[in-house]
PDB file of N, CA and C in Angstrom:
ATOM      1  N   MET A   1      21.227  -2.473 103.531  1.00  0.00           N
ATOM      2  CA  MET A   1      22.528  -2.612 102.931  1.00  0.00           C
ATOM      3  C   MET A   1      23.544  -3.384 103.857  1.00  0.00           C
ATOM      4  N   THR A   2      23.903  -4.547 103.440  1.00  0.00           N
ATOM      5  CA  THR A   2      24.675  -5.240 104.394  1.00  0.00           C
ATOM      6  C   THR A   2      26.283  -5.179 104.285  1.00  0.00           C
ATOM      7  N   ARG A   3      26.710  -4.413 103.118  1.00  0.00           N
ATOM      8  CA  ARG A   3      28.062  -4.178 102.962  1.00  0.00           C
ATOM      9  C   ARG A   3      28.784  -5.511 102.748  1.00  0.00           C
ATOM     10  N   HIS A   4      28.244  -6.449 102.203  1.00  0.00           N
ATOM     11  CA  HIS A   4      28.892  -7.715 101.999  1.00  0.00           C
ATOM     12  C   HIS A   4      30.238  -7.503 101.193  1.00  0.00           C
ATOM     13  N   ILE A   5      30.199  -7.284  99.963  1.00  0.00           N
ATOM     14  CA  ILE A   5      31.346  -6.983  99.252  1.00  0.00           C
ATOM     15  C   ILE A   5      31.188  -5.568  98.511  1.00  0.00           C
ATOM     16  N   GLU A   6      31.924  -4.515  99.023  1.00  0.00           N
ATOM     17  CA  GLU A   6      31.741  -3.306  98.491  1.00  0.00           C
ATOM     18  C   GLU A   6      32.746  -3.035  97.252  1.00  0.00           C
ATOM     19  N   LEU A   7      33.856  -3.636  97.405  1.00  0.00           N
ATOM     20  CA  LEU A   7      34.779  -3.295  96.406  1.00  0.00           C
ATOM     21  C   LEU A   7      36.017  -4.305  96.427  1.00  0.00           C
ATOM     22  N   ILE A   8      36.244  -4.869  95.391  1.00  0.00           N
ATOM     23  CA  ILE A   8      37.493  -5.708  95.243  1.00  0.00           C
ATOM     24  C   ILE A   8      38.438  -5.109  94.220  1.00  0.00           C
ATOM     25  N   THR A   9      39.484  -4.693  94.607  1.00  0.00           N
ATOM     26  CA  THR A   9      40.464  -4.329  93.369  1.00  0.00           C
ATOM     27  C   THR A   9      41.689  -5.123  93.727  1.00  0.00           C
ATOM     28  N   ALA A  10      42.335  -5.557  92.599  1.00  0.00           N
ATOM     29  CA  ALA A  10      43.431  -6.284  92.712  1.00  0.00           C
ATOM     30  C   ALA A  10      44.356  -5.940  91.543  1.00  0.00           C
ATOM     31  N   LEU A  11      45.700  -6.084  91.892  1.00  0.00           N
ATOM     32  CA  LEU A  11      46.829  -5.902  90.909  1.00  0.00           C
ATOM     33  C   LEU A  11      47.505  -7.179  90.961  1.00  0.00           C
ATOM     34  N   VAL A  12      47.494  -7.823  89.840  1.00  0.00           N
ATOM     35  CA  VAL A  12      48.003  -9.212  89.771  1.00  0.00           C
ATOM     36  C   VAL A  12      49.085  -9.173  88.823  1.00  0.00           C
ATOM     37  N   VAL A  13      50.341  -9.688  89.324  1.00  0.00           N
ATOM     38  CA  VAL A  13      51.486  -9.687  88.489  1.00  0.00           C
ATOM     39  C   VAL A  13      52.338 -10.993  88.944  1.00  0.00           C
ATOM     40  N   SER A  14      53.191 -11.330  88.176  1.00  0.00           N
ATOM     41  CA  SER A  14      53.948 -12.568  88.527  1.00  0.00           C
ATOM     42  C   SER A  14      54.996 -12.136  89.592  1.00  0.00           C
ATOM     43  N   ARG A  15      55.145 -12.965  90.650  1.00  0.00           N
ATOM     44  CA  ARG A  15      56.118 -12.593  91.666  1.00  0.00           C
ATOM     45  C   ARG A  15      57.608 -12.389  91.291  1.00  0.00           C
ATOM     46  N   ASP A  16      57.886 -13.318  90.238  1.00  0.00           N
ATOM     47  CA  ASP A  16      59.150 -13.251  89.572  1.00  0.00           C
ATOM     48  C   ASP A  16      59.391 -11.849  88.969  1.00  0.00           C
ATOM     49  N   TRP A  17      58.317 -11.471  88.142  1.00  0.00           N
ATOM     50  CA  TRP A  17      58.365 -10.111  87.387  1.00  0.00           C
ATOM     51  C   TRP A  17      58.550  -8.926  88.478  1.00  0.00           C
ATOM     52  N   PHE A  18      57.653  -9.017  89.427  1.00  0.00           N
ATOM     53  CA  PHE A  18      57.654  -7.943  90.482  1.00  0.00           C
ATOM     54  C   PHE A  18      59.100  -7.757  91.119  1.00  0.00           C
ATOM     55  N   TYR A  19      59.624  -8.862  91.514  1.00  0.00           N
ATOM     56  CA  TYR A  19      60.849  -8.810  92.152  1.00  0.00           C
ATOM     57  C   TYR A  19      62.036  -8.561  91.302  1.00  0.00           C
ATOM     58  N   SER A  20      61.778  -8.719  89.900  1.00  0.00           N
ATOM     59  CA  SER A  20      62.822  -8.370  88.960  1.00  0.00           C
ATOM     60  C   SER A  20      62.843  -6.771  88.700  1.00  0.00           C
ATOM     61  N   LEU A  21      61.855  -6.068  89.208  1.00  0.00           N
ATOM     62  CA  LEU A  21      61.957  -4.613  89.069  1.00  0.00           C
ATOM     63  C   LEU A  21      62.879  -3.990  90.194  1.00  0.00           C
ATOM     64  N   PRO A  22      63.391  -2.896  89.774  1.00  0.00           N
ATOM     65  CA  PRO A  22      64.206  -2.187  90.777  1.00  0.00           C
ATOM     66  C   PRO A  22      63.373  -1.895  92.021  1.00  0.00           C
ATOM     67  N   GLU A  23      63.907  -1.964  93.187  1.00  0.00           N
ATOM     68  CA  GLU A  23      63.144  -1.642  94.466  1.00  0.00           C
ATOM     69  C   GLU A  23      62.433  -0.265  94.487  1.00  0.00           C
ATOM     70  N   GLU A  24      62.860   0.691  93.740  1.00  0.00           N
ATOM     71  CA  GLU A  24      62.194   1.940  93.507  1.00  0.00           C
ATOM     72  C   GLU A  24      61.018   1.743  92.727  1.00  0.00           C
ATOM     73  N   TYR A  25      60.921   0.989  91.732  1.00  0.00           N
ATOM     74  CA  TYR A  25      59.820   0.737  90.998  1.00  0.00           C
ATOM     75  C   TYR A  25      58.692  -0.132  91.744  1.00  0.00           C
ATOM     76  N   GLN A  26      59.257  -1.097  92.496  1.00  0.00           N
ATOM     77  CA  GLN A  26      58.443  -1.767  93.280  1.00  0.00           C
ATOM     78  C   GLN A  26      57.627  -0.922  94.309  1.00  0.00           C
ATOM     79  N   MET A  27      58.368  -0.061  95.048  1.00  0.00           N
ATOM     80  CA  MET A  27      57.699   0.928  95.887  1.00  0.00           C
ATOM     81  C   MET A  27      56.590   1.762  95.179  1.00  0.00           C
ATOM     82  N   VAL A  28      56.926   2.263  94.014  1.00  0.00           N
ATOM     83  CA  VAL A  28      56.113   3.080  93.205  1.00  0.00           C
ATOM     84  C   VAL A  28      54.780   2.149  92.873  1.00  0.00           C
ATOM     85  N   LEU A  29      54.940   1.111  92.417  1.00  0.00           N
ATOM     86  CA  LEU A  29      53.843   0.163  92.011  1.00  0.00           C
ATOM     87  C   LEU A  29      52.938  -0.077  93.165  1.00  0.00           C
ATOM     88  N   LYS A  30      53.465  -0.395  94.345  1.00  0.00           N
ATOM     89  CA  LYS A  30      52.713  -0.564  95.515  1.00  0.00           C
ATOM     90  C   LYS A  30      51.953   0.620  95.905  1.00  0.00           C
ATOM     91  N   GLU A  31      52.622   1.830  95.869  1.00  0.00           N
ATOM     92  CA  GLU A  31      51.951   3.117  96.201  1.00  0.00           C
ATOM     93  C   GLU A  31      50.865   3.424  95.285  1.00  0.00           C
ATOM     94  N   GLU A  32      51.084   3.176  94.070  1.00  0.00           N
ATOM     95  CA  GLU A  32      49.989   3.645  92.988  1.00  0.00           C
ATOM     96  C   GLU A  32      48.918   2.609  93.096  1.00  0.00           C
ATOM     97  N   ALA A  33      49.125   1.438  93.358  1.00  0.00           N
ATOM     98  CA  ALA A  33      48.093   0.430  93.627  1.00  0.00           C
ATOM     99  C   ALA A  33      47.235   0.827  94.745  1.00  0.00           C
ATOM    100  N   ARG A  34      47.831   1.255  95.928  1.00  0.00           N
ATOM    101  CA  ARG A  34      47.088   1.679  96.949  1.00  0.00           C
ATOM    102  C   ARG A  34      46.258   2.912  96.536  1.00  0.00           C
ATOM    103  N   ASN A  35      46.733   3.899  95.922  1.00  0.00           N
ATOM    104  CA  ASN A  35      46.286   5.062  95.574  1.00  0.00           C
ATOM    105  C   ASN A  35      44.969   4.894  94.579  1.00  0.00           C
ATOM    106  N   SER A  36      45.112   3.804  93.713  1.00  0.00           N
ATOM    107  CA  SER A  36      44.071   3.556  92.735  1.00  0.00           C
ATOM    108  C   SER A  36      42.925   2.831  93.646  1.00  0.00           C
ATOM    109  N   GLY A  37      43.384   1.934  94.553  1.00  0.00           N
ATOM    110  CA  GLY A  37      42.261   1.427  95.369  1.00  0.00           C
ATOM    111  C   GLY A  37      41.451   2.433  96.178  1.00  0.00           C
ATOM    112  N   HIS A  38      42.183   3.309  96.746  1.00  0.00           N
ATOM    113  CA  HIS A  38      41.506   4.393  97.492  1.00  0.00           C
ATOM    114  C   HIS A  38      40.499   5.161  96.601  1.00  0.00           C
ATOM    115  N   HIS A  39      41.121   5.630  95.366  1.00  0.00           N
ATOM    116  CA  HIS A  39      40.216   6.157  94.432  1.00  0.00           C
ATOM    117  C   HIS A  39      38.960   5.357  94.017  1.00  0.00           C
ATOM    118  N   ALA A  40      39.148   4.127  93.774  1.00  0.00           N
ATOM    119  CA  ALA A  40      38.000   3.340  93.330  1.00  0.00           C
ATOM    120  C   ALA A  40      37.081   3.258  94.538  1.00  0.00           C
ATOM    121  N   SER A  41      37.607   3.184  95.782  1.00  0.00           N
ATOM    122  CA  SER A  41      36.635   3.116  96.889  1.00  0.00           C
ATOM    123  C   SER A  41      35.786   4.364  96.985  1.00  0.00           C
ATOM    124  N   GLU A  42      36.388   5.622  96.773  1.00  0.00           N
ATOM    125  CA  GLU A  42      35.743   6.750  96.894  1.00  0.00           C
ATOM    126  C   GLU A  42      34.734   6.884  95.921  1.00  0.00           C
ATOM    127  N   VAL A  43      35.065   6.409  94.649  1.00  0.00           N
ATOM    128  CA  VAL A  43      34.067   6.520  93.454  1.00  0.00           C
ATOM    129  C   VAL A  43      32.933   5.522  93.732  1.00  0.00           C
ATOM    130  N   LEU A  44      33.171   4.464  94.257  1.00  0.00           N
ATOM    131  CA  LEU A  44      32.256   3.503  94.649  1.00  0.00           C
ATOM    132  C   LEU A  44      31.293   3.950  95.713  1.00  0.00           C
ATOM    133  N   LEU A  45      31.846   4.523  96.836  1.00  0.00           N
ATOM    134  CA  LEU A  45      30.971   5.038  97.853  1.00  0.00           C
ATOM    135  C   LEU A  45      29.919   6.176  97.354  1.00  0.00           C
ATOM    136  N   GLN A  46      30.583   7.017  96.537  1.00  0.00           N
ATOM    137  CA  GLN A  46      29.798   8.061  95.924  1.00  0.00           C
ATOM    138  C   GLN A  46      28.654   7.351  95.118  1.00  0.00           C
ATOM    139  N   ARG A  47      28.887   6.467  94.280  1.00  0.00           N
ATOM    140  CA  ARG A  47      27.934   5.804  93.423  1.00  0.00           C
ATOM    141  C   ARG A  47      26.882   5.216  94.203  1.00  0.00           C
ATOM    142  N   ILE A  48      27.247   4.594  95.318  1.00  0.00           N
ATOM    143  CA  ILE A  48      26.253   3.864  96.091  1.00  0.00           C
ATOM    144  C   ILE A  48      25.155   4.808  96.720  1.00  0.00           C
ATOM    145  N   GLU A  49      25.789   6.080  97.171  1.00  0.00           N
ATOM    146  CA  GLU A  49      24.856   7.063  97.624  1.00  0.00           C
ATOM    147  C   GLU A  49      23.999   7.482  96.456  1.00  0.00           C
ATOM    148  N   GLU A  50      24.396   7.638  95.182  1.00  0.00           N
ATOM    149  CA  GLU A  50      23.645   8.101  94.158  1.00  0.00           C
ATOM    150  C   GLU A  50      22.448   7.040  93.937  1.00  0.00           C
ATOM    151  N   VAL A  51      22.881   5.931  93.836  1.00  0.00           N
ATOM    152  CA  VAL A  51      21.900   4.804  93.619  1.00  0.00           C
ATOM    153  C   VAL A  51      20.940   4.702  94.720  1.00  0.00           C
ATOM    154  N   LYS A  52      21.372   4.704  96.015  1.00  0.00           N
ATOM    155  CA  LYS A  52      20.390   4.564  97.201  1.00  0.00           C
ATOM    156  C   LYS A  52      19.354   5.779  97.086  1.00  0.00           C
ATOM    157  N   SER A  53      19.778   6.994  96.556  1.00  0.00           N
ATOM    158  CA  SER A  53      18.897   8.022  96.484  1.00  0.00           C
ATOM    159  C   SER A  53      17.849   7.851  95.317  1.00  0.00           C
ATOM    160  N   ALA A  54      18.353   7.237  94.203  1.00  0.00           N
ATOM    161  CA  ALA A  54      17.513   7.154  92.963  1.00  0.00           C
ATOM    162  C   ALA A  54      16.648   5.955  93.104  1.00  0.00           C
ATOM    163  N   ILE A  55      16.948   4.888  93.644  1.00  0.00           N
ATOM    164  CA  ILE A  55      16.032   3.635  93.796  1.00  0.00           C
ATOM    165  C   ILE A  55      14.731   3.992  94.374  1.00  0.00           C
ATOM    166  N   PRO A  56      14.496   4.519  95.544  1.00  0.00           N
ATOM    167  CA  PRO A  56      13.077   4.733  95.997  1.00  0.00           C
ATOM    168  C   PRO A  56      12.419   5.630  95.058  1.00  0.00           C
ATOM    169  N   GLU A  57      13.024   6.751  94.516  1.00  0.00           N
ATOM    170  CA  GLU A  57      12.332   7.580  93.676  1.00  0.00           C
ATOM    171  C   GLU A  57      11.821   6.942  92.532  1.00  0.00           C
ATOM    172  N   GLU A  58      12.632   6.128  91.781  1.00  0.00           N
ATOM    173  CA  GLU A  58      12.329   5.551  90.549  1.00  0.00           C
ATOM    174  C   GLU A  58      11.447   4.290  90.624  1.00  0.00           C
ATOM    175  N   THR A  59      11.491   3.562  91.618  1.00  0.00           N
ATOM    176  CA  THR A  59      10.893   2.258  91.763  1.00  0.00           C
ATOM    177  C   THR A  59       9.868   2.132  92.939  1.00  0.00           C
ATOM    178  N   GLY A  60       9.920   3.116  93.854  1.00  0.00           N
ATOM    179  CA  GLY A  60       8.970   3.014  95.042  1.00  0.00           C
ATOM    180  C   GLY A  60       9.603   1.917  96.074  1.00  0.00           C
ATOM    181  N   THR A  61      10.701   1.413  95.791  1.00  0.00           N
ATOM    182  CA  THR A  61      11.326   0.542  96.730  1.00  0.00           C
ATOM    183  C   THR A  61      11.770   1.061  98.054  1.00  0.00           C
ATOM    184  N   GLN A  62      11.635   0.360  99.146  1.00  0.00           N
ATOM    185  CA  GLN A  62      11.997   0.837 100.327  1.00  0.00           C
ATOM    186  C   GLN A  62      13.365   0.299 100.813  1.00  0.00           C
ATOM    187  N   LEU A  63      14.304   1.118 101.113  1.00  0.00           N
ATOM    188  CA  LEU A  63      15.529   0.486 101.478  1.00  0.00           C
ATOM    189  C   LEU A  63      15.685   0.471 102.935  1.00  0.00           C
ATOM    190  N   ILE A  64      15.979  -0.629 103.482  1.00  0.00           N
ATOM    191  CA  ILE A  64      15.996  -0.730 105.008  1.00  0.00           C
ATOM    192  C   ILE A  64      17.546  -1.176 105.381  1.00  0.00           C
ATOM    193  N   GLU A  65      17.822  -0.344 106.278  1.00  0.00           N
ATOM    194  CA  GLU A  65      19.251  -0.541 106.870  1.00  0.00           C
ATOM    195  C   GLU A  65      19.035  -1.746 107.878  1.00  0.00           C
ATOM    196  N   VAL A  66      20.156  -2.583 107.823  1.00  0.00           N
ATOM    197  CA  VAL A  66      20.104  -3.710 108.772  1.00  0.00           C
ATOM    198  C   VAL A  66      21.139  -3.625 109.791  1.00  0.00           C
ATOM    199  N   ASP A  67      21.019  -4.279 110.872  1.00  0.00           N
ATOM    200  CA  ASP A  67      21.922  -4.488 111.932  1.00  0.00           C
ATOM    201  C   ASP A  67      23.081  -5.302 111.575  1.00  0.00           C
ATOM    202  N   GLU A  68      24.249  -4.879 111.111  1.00  0.00           N
ATOM    203  CA  GLU A  68      25.206  -5.581 110.697  1.00  0.00           C
ATOM    204  C   GLU A  68      25.785  -6.794 111.711  1.00  0.00           C
ATOM    205  N   GLU A  69      25.663  -6.187 113.044  1.00  0.00           N
ATOM    206  CA  GLU A  69      26.066  -7.098 114.132  1.00  0.00           C
ATOM    207  C   GLU A  69      25.241  -8.461 114.156  1.00  0.00           C
ATOM    208  N   VAL A  70      23.984  -8.430 113.659  1.00  0.00           N
ATOM    209  CA  VAL A  70      23.186  -9.651 113.606  1.00  0.00           C
ATOM    210  C   VAL A  70      23.863 -10.631 112.572  1.00  0.00           C
ATOM    211  N   PHE A  71      24.106 -10.103 111.424  1.00  0.00           N
ATOM    212  CA  PHE A  71      24.956 -10.837 110.495  1.00  0.00           C
ATOM    213  C   PHE A  71      26.267 -11.518 110.979  1.00  0.00           C
ATOM    214  N   LYS A  72      27.038 -10.641 111.514  1.00  0.00           N
ATOM    215  CA  LYS A  72      28.252 -10.994 112.205  1.00  0.00           C
ATOM    216  C   LYS A  72      28.121 -12.193 113.154  1.00  0.00           C
ATOM    217  N   GLN A  73      27.204 -11.891 113.952  1.00  0.00           N
ATOM    218  CA  GLN A  73      26.880 -12.985 114.996  1.00  0.00           C
ATOM    219  C   GLN A  73      26.462 -14.340 114.444  1.00  0.00           C
ATOM    220  N   SER A  74      25.665 -14.178 113.439  1.00  0.00           N
ATOM    221  CA  SER A  74      25.047 -15.396 112.740  1.00  0.00           C
ATOM    222  C   SER A  74      26.286 -16.179 112.190  1.00  0.00           C
ATOM    223  N   VAL A  75      27.197 -15.474 111.435  1.00  0.00           N
ATOM    224  CA  VAL A  75      28.377 -16.105 110.884  1.00  0.00           C
ATOM    225  C   VAL A  75      29.109 -16.736 111.983  1.00  0.00           C
ATOM    226  N   SER A  76      29.362 -16.188 113.002  1.00  0.00           N
ATOM    227  CA  SER A  76      30.200 -16.623 114.118  1.00  0.00           C
ATOM    228  C   SER A  76      29.389 -17.794 114.778  1.00  0.00           C
ATOM    229  N   ASP A  77      28.132 -17.718 115.057  1.00  0.00           N
ATOM    230  CA  ASP A  77      27.373 -18.783 115.662  1.00  0.00           C
ATOM    231  C   ASP A  77      27.530 -20.038 114.839  1.00  0.00           C
ATOM    232  N   TYR A  78      27.372 -19.845 113.659  1.00  0.00           N
ATOM    233  CA  TYR A  78      27.366 -20.983 112.686  1.00  0.00           C
ATOM    234  C   TYR A  78      28.759 -21.656 112.617  1.00  0.00           C
ATOM    235  N   GLY A  79      29.766 -20.995 112.883  1.00  0.00           N
ATOM    236  CA  GLY A  79      31.116 -21.460 112.766  1.00  0.00           C
ATOM    237  C   GLY A  79      31.583 -21.468 111.364  1.00  0.00           C
ATOM    238  N   TYR A  80      31.021 -20.615 110.441  1.00  0.00           N
ATOM    239  CA  TYR A  80      31.338 -20.608 109.107  1.00  0.00           C
ATOM    240  C   TYR A  80      32.862 -20.685 108.827  1.00  0.00           C
ATOM    241  N   TYR A  81      33.622 -19.697 109.484  1.00  0.00           N
ATOM    242  CA  TYR A  81      35.050 -19.633 109.237  1.00  0.00           C
ATOM    243  C   TYR A  81      35.798 -20.894 109.548  1.00  0.00           C
ATOM    244  N   GLU A  82      35.524 -21.578 110.675  1.00  0.00           N
ATOM    245  CA  GLU A  82      36.093 -22.872 110.952  1.00  0.00           C
ATOM    246  C   GLU A  82      35.663 -24.001 109.967  1.00  0.00           C
ATOM    247  N   LYS A  83      34.353 -24.036 109.639  1.00  0.00           N
ATOM    248  CA  LYS A  83      33.855 -25.012 108.661  1.00  0.00           C
ATOM    249  C   LYS A  83      34.574 -24.864 107.305  1.00  0.00           C
ATOM    250  N   MET A  84      34.844 -23.730 106.894  1.00  0.00           N
ATOM    251  CA  MET A  84      35.446 -23.453 105.634  1.00  0.00           C
ATOM    252  C   MET A  84      36.847 -23.359 105.683  1.00  0.00           C
ATOM    253  N   GLU A  85      37.399 -23.699 106.949  1.00  0.00           N
ATOM    254  CA  GLU A  85      38.888 -23.583 107.085  1.00  0.00           C
ATOM    255  C   GLU A  85      39.481 -22.357 106.736  1.00  0.00           C
ATOM    256  N   LEU A  86      38.733 -21.198 107.179  1.00  0.00           N
ATOM    257  CA  LEU A  86      39.120 -19.835 107.006  1.00  0.00           C
ATOM    258  C   LEU A  86      39.391 -18.982 108.244  1.00  0.00           C
ATOM    259  N   GLN A  87      39.285 -19.684 109.438  1.00  0.00           N
ATOM    260  CA  GLN A  87      39.433 -18.999 110.628  1.00  0.00           C
ATOM    261  C   GLN A  87      40.847 -18.231 110.687  1.00  0.00           C
ATOM    262  N   GLU A  88      41.907 -18.959 110.319  1.00  0.00           N
ATOM    263  CA  GLU A  88      43.230 -18.285 110.412  1.00  0.00           C
ATOM    264  C   GLU A  88      43.268 -17.073 109.454  1.00  0.00           C
ATOM    265  N   ALA A  89      42.820 -17.211 108.305  1.00  0.00           N
ATOM    266  CA  ALA A  89      42.767 -16.035 107.461  1.00  0.00           C
ATOM    267  C   ALA A  89      41.812 -14.925 107.960  1.00  0.00           C
ATOM    268  N   TYR A  90      40.631 -15.294 108.412  1.00  0.00           N
ATOM    269  CA  TYR A  90      39.894 -14.295 109.076  1.00  0.00           C
ATOM    270  C   TYR A  90      40.431 -13.544 110.130  1.00  0.00           C
ATOM    271  N   ASP A  91      41.144 -14.263 111.014  1.00  0.00           N
ATOM    272  CA  ASP A  91      41.852 -13.690 112.177  1.00  0.00           C
ATOM    273  C   ASP A  91      42.893 -12.657 111.694  1.00  0.00           C
ATOM    274  N   ALA A  92      43.694 -13.171 110.687  1.00  0.00           N
ATOM    275  CA  ALA A  92      44.644 -12.239 110.152  1.00  0.00           C
ATOM    276  C   ALA A  92      44.211 -10.901 109.574  1.00  0.00           C
ATOM    277  N   VAL A  93      43.053 -10.993 108.893  1.00  0.00           N
ATOM    278  CA  VAL A  93      42.442  -9.872 108.243  1.00  0.00           C
ATOM    279  C   VAL A  93      42.026  -8.903 109.428  1.00  0.00           C
ATOM    280  N   GLN A  94      41.323  -9.451 110.315  1.00  0.00           N
ATOM    281  CA  GLN A  94      40.863  -8.763 111.544  1.00  0.00           C
ATOM    282  C   GLN A  94      41.990  -8.059 112.287  1.00  0.00           C
ATOM    283  N   GLU A  95      43.051  -8.722 112.413  1.00  0.00           N
ATOM    284  CA  GLU A  95      44.228  -8.024 113.098  1.00  0.00           C
ATOM    285  C   GLU A  95      44.835  -7.050 112.267  1.00  0.00           C
ATOM    286  N   ALA A  96      44.935  -7.249 110.945  1.00  0.00           N
ATOM    287  CA  ALA A  96      45.507  -6.205 110.062  1.00  0.00           C
ATOM    288  C   ALA A  96      44.605  -4.969 109.997  1.00  0.00           C
ATOM    289  N   LEU A  97      43.231  -5.144 110.120  1.00  0.00           N
ATOM    290  CA  LEU A  97      42.317  -4.013 110.066  1.00  0.00           C
ATOM    291  C   LEU A  97      42.320  -3.255 111.285  1.00  0.00           C
ATOM    292  N   SER A  98      42.430  -3.926 112.511  1.00  0.00           N
ATOM    293  CA  SER A  98      42.498  -3.310 113.839  1.00  0.00           C
ATOM    294  C   SER A  98      43.780  -2.600 113.924  1.00  0.00           C
ATOM    295  N   SER A  99      44.823  -2.898 113.272  1.00  0.00           N
ATOM    296  CA  SER A  99      46.308  -2.203 113.465  1.00  0.00           C
ATOM    297  C   SER A  99      46.124  -0.900 112.433  1.00  0.00           C
ATOM    298  N   THR A 100      45.301  -0.853 111.590  1.00  0.00           N
ATOM    299  CA  THR A 100      45.205   0.438 110.660  1.00  0.00           C
ATOM    300  C   THR A 100      44.293   1.418 111.149  1.00  0.00           C
ATOM    301  N   GLN A 101      43.516   1.016 112.198  1.00  0.00           N
ATOM    302  CA  GLN A 101      42.534   2.114 112.625  1.00  0.00           C
ATOM    303  C   GLN A 101      42.953   2.733 113.810  1.00  0.00           C
TER     304      GLN A 101
END
């Protein structure tokens, strides 16, 4: 399992509409969006474990855990983020993730 895309949740609204809301409503909307994202992540992780348990039993398939660092190094060595002009975005995400841990 390479954990490529585990979950994408998004709340999409117009910027004008969002900022037209009272600040209290904006805060509530942000908080509830975060809460629903956390809930969706918990449900997904639980479901992944259920599926991982069921697959070998039902199909005889062998699930092999991979070394994620090999994938990360491969992307880095290839220069994917630079070639796709995503390096700045990647760095920003990594910085945000490290500040939350």
